[in-house]
Amino acid sequence: MTTPYPPPPPPPARGRDRTTLWGVLGIVLGLICCGILGIIFGYLSIRDARRYGQSPLLGYLAIVFGVINIIGGAILRATGNYPFWNND
Protein backbone atom coordinates (compact mmCIF):
# COMPACT_ATOMS: atom_id res chain seq x y z
CA MET A 1 0.00 0.00 0.00
CA THR A 2 2.15 2.78 -1.21
CA THR A 3 0.53 6.03 -2.06
CA PRO A 4 2.04 8.15 -4.79
CA TYR A 5 3.54 11.46 -3.87
CA PRO A 6 1.50 14.52 -4.82
CA PRO A 7 2.83 16.50 -7.76
CA PRO A 8 5.12 19.42 -6.90
CA PRO A 9 3.54 22.87 -6.84
CA PRO A 10 3.85 24.90 -10.01
CA PRO A 11 6.60 27.54 -10.11
CA PRO A 12 5.50 31.09 -9.33
CA ALA A 13 4.46 33.24 -12.24
CA ARG A 14 7.47 35.25 -13.42
CA GLY A 15 5.50 38.00 -15.11
CA ARG A 16 4.26 39.55 -11.87
CA ASP A 17 7.51 39.57 -9.95
CA ARG A 18 8.23 43.23 -9.23
CA THR A 19 10.68 42.73 -6.38
CA THR A 20 13.51 44.58 -8.09
CA LEU A 21 11.23 47.35 -9.34
CA TRP A 22 9.85 48.10 -5.88
CA GLY A 23 13.31 47.87 -4.31
CA VAL A 24 14.98 50.24 -6.76
CA LEU A 25 12.10 52.73 -6.59
CA GLY A 26 12.26 52.62 -2.80
CA ILE A 27 16.01 53.19 -2.71
CA VAL A 28 15.91 56.08 -5.19
CA LEU A 29 12.94 57.82 -3.59
CA GLY A 30 14.22 57.13 -0.07
CA LEU A 31 17.58 58.70 -0.87
CA ILE A 32 16.49 61.66 -2.95
CA CYS A 33 13.16 63.02 -1.82
CA CYS A 34 10.47 61.03 -0.07
CA GLY A 35 11.34 58.87 2.90
CA ILE A 36 7.75 57.69 3.31
CA LEU A 37 7.59 56.44 -0.28
CA GLY A 38 10.95 54.71 0.21
CA ILE A 39 9.54 52.83 3.18
CA ILE A 40 6.34 51.89 1.32
CA PHE A 41 8.18 50.62 -1.75
CA GLY A 42 10.65 48.82 0.50
CA TYR A 43 7.78 46.99 2.16
CA LEU A 44 6.34 46.06 -1.24
CA SER A 45 9.75 44.74 -2.32
CA ILE A 46 10.10 42.59 0.81
CA ARG A 47 6.57 41.26 0.37
CA ASP A 48 7.21 40.25 -3.25
CA ALA A 49 10.62 38.79 -2.38
CA ARG A 50 9.03 36.48 0.18
CA ARG A 51 6.27 35.57 -2.23
CA TYR A 52 8.65 34.65 -5.07
CA GLY A 53 11.54 33.28 -3.02
CA GLN A 54 14.05 36.03 -3.78
CA SER A 55 16.40 38.08 -1.64
CA PRO A 56 14.68 40.93 0.29
CA LEU A 57 17.89 42.98 0.46
CA LEU A 58 16.68 45.80 -1.82
CA GLY A 59 13.56 46.19 0.30
CA TYR A 60 15.55 46.41 3.51
CA LEU A 61 17.87 48.99 1.97
CA ALA A 62 14.90 51.05 0.78
CA ILE A 63 13.41 51.06 4.27
CA VAL A 64 16.73 52.04 5.86
CA PHE A 65 17.30 54.87 3.39
CA GLY A 66 13.72 56.08 3.86
CA VAL A 67 14.14 56.18 7.63
CA ILE A 68 17.50 57.96 7.30
CA ASN A 69 15.85 60.52 5.00
CA ILE A 70 13.07 61.18 7.50
CA ILE A 71 15.41 61.43 10.50
CA GLY A 72 17.93 63.56 8.60
CA GLY A 73 15.19 65.90 7.39
CA ALA A 74 13.82 66.25 10.91
CA ILE A 75 17.27 67.07 12.29
CA LEU A 76 17.89 69.65 9.56
CA ARG A 77 14.51 71.27 10.18
CA ALA A 78 15.06 71.33 13.94
CA THR A 79 18.43 73.02 13.59
CA GLY A 80 17.18 75.49 10.99
CA ASN A 81 19.54 74.26 8.27
CA TYR A 82 16.98 72.66 5.98
CA PRO A 83 17.60 74.22 2.54
CA PHE A 84 13.95 74.30 1.43
CA TRP A 85 12.47 75.51 4.69
CA ASN A 86 11.87 79.25 4.64
CA ASN A 87 11.63 80.82 8.12
CA ASP A 88 10.89 84.39 7.04
C-alpha atoms as a PDB file:
ATOM      1  CA  MET A   1       0.000   0.000   0.000  1.00  0.00           C
ATOM      2  CA  THR A   2       2.152   2.781  -1.212  1.00  0.00           C
ATOM      3  CA  THR A   3       0.527   6.029  -2.058  1.00  0.00           C
ATOM      4  CA  PRO A   4       2.043   8.154  -4.788  1.00  0.00           C
ATOM      5  CA  TYR A   5       3.541  11.457  -3.869  1.00  0.00           C
ATOM      6  CA  PRO A   6       1.500  14.524  -4.824  1.00  0.00           C
ATOM      7  CA  PRO A   7       2.826  16.498  -7.763  1.00  0.00           C
ATOM      8  CA  PRO A   8       5.117  19.423  -6.904  1.00  0.00           C
ATOM      9  CA  PRO A   9       3.536  22.867  -6.838  1.00  0.00           C
ATOM     10  CA  PRO A  10       3.847  24.901 -10.010  1.00  0.00           C
ATOM     11  CA  PRO A  11       6.601  27.537 -10.105  1.00  0.00           C
ATOM     12  CA  PRO A  12       5.502  31.094  -9.327  1.00  0.00           C
ATOM     13  CA  ALA A  13       4.457  33.240 -12.245  1.00  0.00           C
ATOM     14  CA  ARG A  14       7.466  35.246 -13.416  1.00  0.00           C
ATOM     15  CA  GLY A  15       5.499  38.000 -15.106  1.00  0.00           C
ATOM     16  CA  ARG A  16       4.255  39.549 -11.873  1.00  0.00           C
ATOM     17  CA  ASP A  17       7.508  39.567  -9.950  1.00  0.00           C
ATOM     18  CA  ARG A  18       8.229  43.226  -9.229  1.00  0.00           C
ATOM     19  CA  THR A  19      10.676  42.726  -6.380  1.00  0.00           C
ATOM     20  CA  THR A  20      13.513  44.582  -8.086  1.00  0.00           C
ATOM     21  CA  LEU A  21      11.233  47.348  -9.343  1.00  0.00           C
ATOM     22  CA  TRP A  22       9.846  48.098  -5.876  1.00  0.00           C
ATOM     23  CA  GLY A  23      13.306  47.873  -4.306  1.00  0.00           C
ATOM     24  CA  VAL A  24      14.983  50.239  -6.757  1.00  0.00           C
ATOM     25  CA  LEU A  25      12.096  52.725  -6.586  1.00  0.00           C
ATOM     26  CA  GLY A  26      12.261  52.619  -2.797  1.00  0.00           C
ATOM     27  CA  ILE A  27      16.012  53.193  -2.710  1.00  0.00           C
ATOM     28  CA  VAL A  28      15.914  56.078  -5.185  1.00  0.00           C
ATOM     29  CA  LEU A  29      12.944  57.818  -3.591  1.00  0.00           C
ATOM     30  CA  GLY A  30      14.221  57.134  -0.074  1.00  0.00           C
ATOM     31  CA  LEU A  31      17.581  58.700  -0.869  1.00  0.00           C
ATOM     32  CA  ILE A  32      16.487  61.659  -2.954  1.00  0.00           C
ATOM     33  CA  CYS A  33      13.164  63.024  -1.820  1.00  0.00           C
ATOM     34  CA  CYS A  34      10.470  61.030  -0.070  1.00  0.00           C
ATOM     35  CA  GLY A  35      11.338  58.875   2.904  1.00  0.00           C
ATOM     36  CA  ILE A  36       7.753  57.690   3.313  1.00  0.00           C
ATOM     37  CA  LEU A  37       7.594  56.438  -0.278  1.00  0.00           C
ATOM     38  CA  GLY A  38      10.950  54.713   0.211  1.00  0.00           C
ATOM     39  CA  ILE A  39       9.537  52.830   3.185  1.00  0.00           C
ATOM     40  CA  ILE A  40       6.342  51.893   1.321  1.00  0.00           C
ATOM     41  CA  PHE A  41       8.182  50.625  -1.753  1.00  0.00           C
ATOM     42  CA  GLY A  42      10.654  48.818   0.496  1.00  0.00           C
ATOM     43  CA  TYR A  43       7.780  46.990   2.160  1.00  0.00           C
ATOM     44  CA  LEU A  44       6.338  46.062  -1.241  1.00  0.00           C
ATOM     45  CA  SER A  45       9.750  44.740  -2.322  1.00  0.00           C
ATOM     46  CA  ILE A  46      10.099  42.590   0.808  1.00  0.00           C
ATOM     47  CA  ARG A  47       6.565  41.260   0.369  1.00  0.00           C
ATOM     48  CA  ASP A  48       7.206  40.251  -3.248  1.00  0.00           C
ATOM     49  CA  ALA A  49      10.624  38.792  -2.381  1.00  0.00           C
ATOM     50  CA  ARG A  50       9.033  36.482   0.180  1.00  0.00           C
ATOM     51  CA  ARG A  51       6.270  35.569  -2.233  1.00  0.00           C
ATOM     52  CA  TYR A  52       8.646  34.653  -5.066  1.00  0.00           C
ATOM     53  CA  GLY A  53      11.541  33.284  -3.015  1.00  0.00           C
ATOM     54  CA  GLN A  54      14.051  36.029  -3.780  1.00  0.00           C
ATOM     55  CA  SER A  55      16.395  38.084  -1.643  1.00  0.00           C
ATOM     56  CA  PRO A  56      14.682  40.929   0.286  1.00  0.00           C
ATOM     57  CA  LEU A  57      17.894  42.984   0.459  1.00  0.00           C
ATOM     58  CA  LEU A  58      16.676  45.800  -1.819  1.00  0.00           C
ATOM     59  CA  GLY A  59      13.560  46.186   0.304  1.00  0.00           C
ATOM     60  CA  TYR A  60      15.554  46.406   3.514  1.00  0.00           C
ATOM     61  CA  LEU A  61      17.873  48.988   1.972  1.00  0.00           C
ATOM     62  CA  ALA A  62      14.901  51.048   0.776  1.00  0.00           C
ATOM     63  CA  ILE A  63      13.406  51.060   4.267  1.00  0.00           C
ATOM     64  CA  VAL A  64      16.727  52.040   5.863  1.00  0.00           C
ATOM     65  CA  PHE A  65      17.295  54.874   3.386  1.00  0.00           C
ATOM     66  CA  GLY A  66      13.719  56.079   3.859  1.00  0.00           C
ATOM     67  CA  VAL A  67      14.143  56.183   7.634  1.00  0.00           C
ATOM     68  CA  ILE A  68      17.501  57.961   7.298  1.00  0.00           C
ATOM     69  CA  ASN A  69      15.847  60.522   4.999  1.00  0.00           C
ATOM     70  CA  ILE A  70      13.070  61.178   7.504  1.00  0.00           C
ATOM     71  CA  ILE A  71      15.414  61.426  10.499  1.00  0.00           C
ATOM     72  CA  GLY A  72      17.932  63.561   8.601  1.00  0.00           C
ATOM     73  CA  GLY A  73      15.193  65.904   7.390  1.00  0.00           C
ATOM     74  CA  ALA A  74      13.820  66.250  10.914  1.00  0.00           C
ATOM     75  CA  ILE A  75      17.272  67.068  12.287  1.00  0.00           C
ATOM     76  CA  LEU A  76      17.890  69.647   9.558  1.00  0.00           C
ATOM     77  CA  ARG A  77      14.507  71.269  10.183  1.00  0.00           C
ATOM     78  CA  ALA A  78      15.061  71.327  13.939  1.00  0.00           C
ATOM     79  CA  THR A  79      18.433  73.024  13.590  1.00  0.00           C
ATOM     80  CA  GLY A  80      17.182  75.489  10.990  1.00  0.00           C
ATOM     81  CA  ASN A  81      19.542  74.263   8.275  1.00  0.00           C
ATOM     82  CA  TYR A  82      16.976  72.656   5.982  1.00  0.00           C
ATOM     83  CA  PRO A  83      17.597  74.224   2.540  1.00  0.00           C
ATOM     84  CA  PHE A  84      13.951  74.295   1.427  1.00  0.00           C
ATOM     85  CA  TRP A  85      12.468  75.513   4.687  1.00  0.00           C
ATOM     86  CA  ASN A  86      11.867  79.253   4.638  1.00  0.00           C
ATOM     87  CA  ASN A  87      11.627  80.816   8.116  1.00  0.00           C
ATOM     88  CA  ASP A  88      10.890  84.389   7.042  1.00  0.00           C
END
